[in-house]
N, C-alpha and C. Protein backbone atom coordinates (compact mmCIF):
# COMPACT_ATOMS: atom_id res chain seq x y z
N MET A 1 37.14 78.70 150.42
CA MET A 1 38.46 78.18 150.73
C MET A 1 38.53 76.73 150.28
N ARG A 2 39.65 76.40 149.68
CA ARG A 2 39.85 75.03 149.22
C ARG A 2 39.88 74.06 150.39
N ARG A 3 39.45 72.85 150.13
CA ARG A 3 39.46 71.80 151.16
C ARG A 3 40.73 70.96 151.08
N GLU A 4 41.17 70.65 149.86
CA GLU A 4 42.35 69.81 149.67
C GLU A 4 43.54 70.67 149.26
N TRP A 5 44.65 70.50 149.95
CA TRP A 5 45.87 71.25 149.67
C TRP A 5 47.02 70.27 149.51
N SER A 6 47.79 70.43 148.46
CA SER A 6 49.00 69.64 148.31
C SER A 6 50.05 70.23 149.26
N PRO A 7 51.04 69.42 149.65
CA PRO A 7 52.08 69.97 150.54
C PRO A 7 52.77 71.19 149.95
N GLU A 8 52.98 71.20 148.64
CA GLU A 8 53.62 72.34 148.00
C GLU A 8 52.76 73.60 148.09
N ASP A 9 51.45 73.44 147.91
CA ASP A 9 50.54 74.58 148.00
C ASP A 9 50.45 75.12 149.43
N VAL A 10 50.48 74.23 150.40
CA VAL A 10 50.44 74.68 151.80
C VAL A 10 51.65 75.55 152.09
N VAL A 11 52.82 75.08 151.67
CA VAL A 11 54.05 75.86 151.90
C VAL A 11 53.99 77.19 151.15
N ALA A 12 53.56 77.16 149.90
CA ALA A 12 53.54 78.37 149.08
C ALA A 12 52.53 79.40 149.58
N CYS A 13 51.40 78.95 150.06
CA CYS A 13 50.31 79.88 150.42
C CYS A 13 50.25 80.24 151.91
N TRP A 14 50.68 79.37 152.78
CA TRP A 14 50.47 79.56 154.20
C TRP A 14 51.73 79.88 155.00
N THR A 15 52.90 79.86 154.37
CA THR A 15 54.15 80.16 155.07
C THR A 15 54.38 81.67 155.11
N PRO A 16 54.63 82.21 156.29
CA PRO A 16 54.93 83.65 156.37
C PRO A 16 56.23 83.97 155.63
N VAL A 17 56.23 85.08 154.92
CA VAL A 17 57.40 85.52 154.16
C VAL A 17 57.65 87.00 154.41
N GLY A 18 58.90 87.41 154.24
CA GLY A 18 59.28 88.82 154.30
C GLY A 18 58.65 89.62 155.41
N PRO A 19 57.82 90.60 155.05
CA PRO A 19 57.24 91.50 156.05
C PRO A 19 56.27 90.82 157.02
N ASP A 20 55.80 89.62 156.66
CA ASP A 20 54.92 88.88 157.59
C ASP A 20 55.63 88.65 158.91
N TRP A 21 56.93 88.37 158.84
CA TRP A 21 57.69 88.07 160.06
C TRP A 21 57.78 89.28 160.98
N GLU A 22 57.79 90.48 160.42
CA GLU A 22 57.82 91.67 161.26
C GLU A 22 56.52 91.80 162.06
N LEU A 23 55.40 91.43 161.42
CA LEU A 23 54.10 91.50 162.10
C LEU A 23 53.97 90.44 163.18
N VAL A 24 54.64 89.31 163.00
CA VAL A 24 54.53 88.17 163.90
C VAL A 24 55.57 88.23 165.03
N ALA A 25 56.56 89.08 164.90
CA ALA A 25 57.71 89.08 165.81
C ALA A 25 57.35 89.18 167.29
N ASN A 26 56.35 89.95 167.64
CA ASN A 26 56.04 90.14 169.06
C ASN A 26 54.97 89.17 169.56
N LYS A 27 54.61 88.20 168.76
CA LYS A 27 53.63 87.19 169.17
C LYS A 27 54.37 85.94 169.63
N SER A 28 53.73 85.11 170.46
CA SER A 28 54.37 83.87 170.90
C SER A 28 53.32 82.78 171.06
N GLY A 29 53.77 81.54 171.01
CA GLY A 29 52.92 80.38 171.25
C GLY A 29 51.71 80.33 170.34
N PRO A 30 50.56 79.93 170.90
CA PRO A 30 49.33 79.80 170.10
C PRO A 30 48.89 81.11 169.45
N THR A 31 49.23 82.23 170.08
CA THR A 31 48.87 83.54 169.52
C THR A 31 49.55 83.73 168.17
N ARG A 32 50.80 83.28 168.06
CA ARG A 32 51.54 83.41 166.80
C ARG A 32 50.87 82.59 165.70
N LEU A 33 50.51 81.35 166.00
CA LEU A 33 49.85 80.51 165.00
C LEU A 33 48.52 81.12 164.57
N GLY A 34 47.72 81.55 165.52
CA GLY A 34 46.43 82.16 165.19
C GLY A 34 46.57 83.41 164.35
N PHE A 35 47.56 84.23 164.69
CA PHE A 35 47.78 85.47 163.93
C PHE A 35 48.21 85.16 162.51
N VAL A 36 49.15 84.23 162.34
CA VAL A 36 49.63 83.89 160.99
C VAL A 36 48.50 83.28 160.17
N LEU A 37 47.71 82.39 160.76
CA LEU A 37 46.59 81.80 160.03
C LEU A 37 45.60 82.88 159.58
N THR A 38 45.29 83.80 160.48
CA THR A 38 44.36 84.88 160.14
C THR A 38 44.93 85.79 159.05
N LEU A 39 46.20 86.12 159.16
CA LEU A 39 46.86 86.96 158.17
C LEU A 39 46.85 86.31 156.79
N LYS A 40 47.25 85.05 156.73
CA LYS A 40 47.31 84.35 155.45
C LYS A 40 45.91 84.10 154.88
N PHE A 41 44.95 83.82 155.74
CA PHE A 41 43.57 83.65 155.29
C PHE A 41 43.09 84.94 154.62
N PHE A 42 43.39 86.07 155.26
CA PHE A 42 42.99 87.36 154.69
C PHE A 42 43.65 87.59 153.34
N GLU A 43 44.92 87.24 153.21
CA GLU A 43 45.62 87.39 151.94
C GLU A 43 44.98 86.53 150.85
N LEU A 44 44.56 85.33 151.20
CA LEU A 44 43.99 84.40 150.22
C LEU A 44 42.54 84.71 149.87
N GLU A 45 41.76 85.09 150.87
CA GLU A 45 40.31 85.25 150.69
C GLU A 45 39.84 86.69 150.61
N GLY A 46 40.66 87.63 151.09
CA GLY A 46 40.25 89.03 151.08
C GLY A 46 39.22 89.35 152.15
N ARG A 47 39.14 88.52 153.16
CA ARG A 47 38.23 88.72 154.29
C ARG A 47 38.77 87.95 155.48
N PHE A 48 38.24 88.25 156.64
CA PHE A 48 38.63 87.52 157.84
C PHE A 48 37.70 86.32 158.02
N PRO A 49 38.19 85.23 158.60
CA PRO A 49 37.32 84.07 158.80
C PRO A 49 36.27 84.34 159.87
N GLN A 50 35.10 83.76 159.68
CA GLN A 50 34.04 83.90 160.67
C GLN A 50 34.06 82.76 161.68
N PHE A 51 34.59 81.61 161.25
CA PHE A 51 34.63 80.43 162.09
C PHE A 51 36.00 79.79 162.01
N VAL A 52 36.45 79.18 163.08
CA VAL A 52 37.76 78.53 163.09
C VAL A 52 37.82 77.39 162.07
N GLU A 53 36.69 76.79 161.76
CA GLU A 53 36.63 75.70 160.80
C GLU A 53 36.98 76.13 159.38
N GLU A 54 37.00 77.42 159.13
CA GLU A 54 37.36 77.92 157.80
C GLU A 54 38.84 77.78 157.50
N PHE A 55 39.66 77.64 158.54
CA PHE A 55 41.09 77.47 158.31
C PHE A 55 41.35 76.08 157.75
N SER A 56 42.28 76.00 156.81
CA SER A 56 42.70 74.73 156.25
C SER A 56 43.39 73.90 157.34
N GLN A 57 42.94 72.67 157.53
CA GLN A 57 43.58 71.81 158.53
C GLN A 57 45.03 71.54 158.16
N ALA A 58 45.32 71.47 156.87
CA ALA A 58 46.70 71.26 156.42
C ALA A 58 47.58 72.43 156.85
N ALA A 59 47.05 73.65 156.81
CA ALA A 59 47.82 74.82 157.23
C ALA A 59 48.04 74.81 158.74
N VAL A 60 47.04 74.41 159.48
CA VAL A 60 47.16 74.35 160.94
C VAL A 60 48.19 73.31 161.35
N ASP A 61 48.15 72.18 160.68
CA ASP A 61 49.11 71.10 161.00
C ASP A 61 50.52 71.54 160.69
């Protein structure tokens, strides 16, 4: 996973789009953020993260 992300890349890669919102619809609060981060991480890496530190801090922010 990349360490440095430009603001444009964060928006392009980590923002939920289309069908992602259907998956997130029944989540709330911190659960929603965690689910979206895990979903997008899987899309980018093709695997689930093993540690929370694997998430891009720019995406979390």
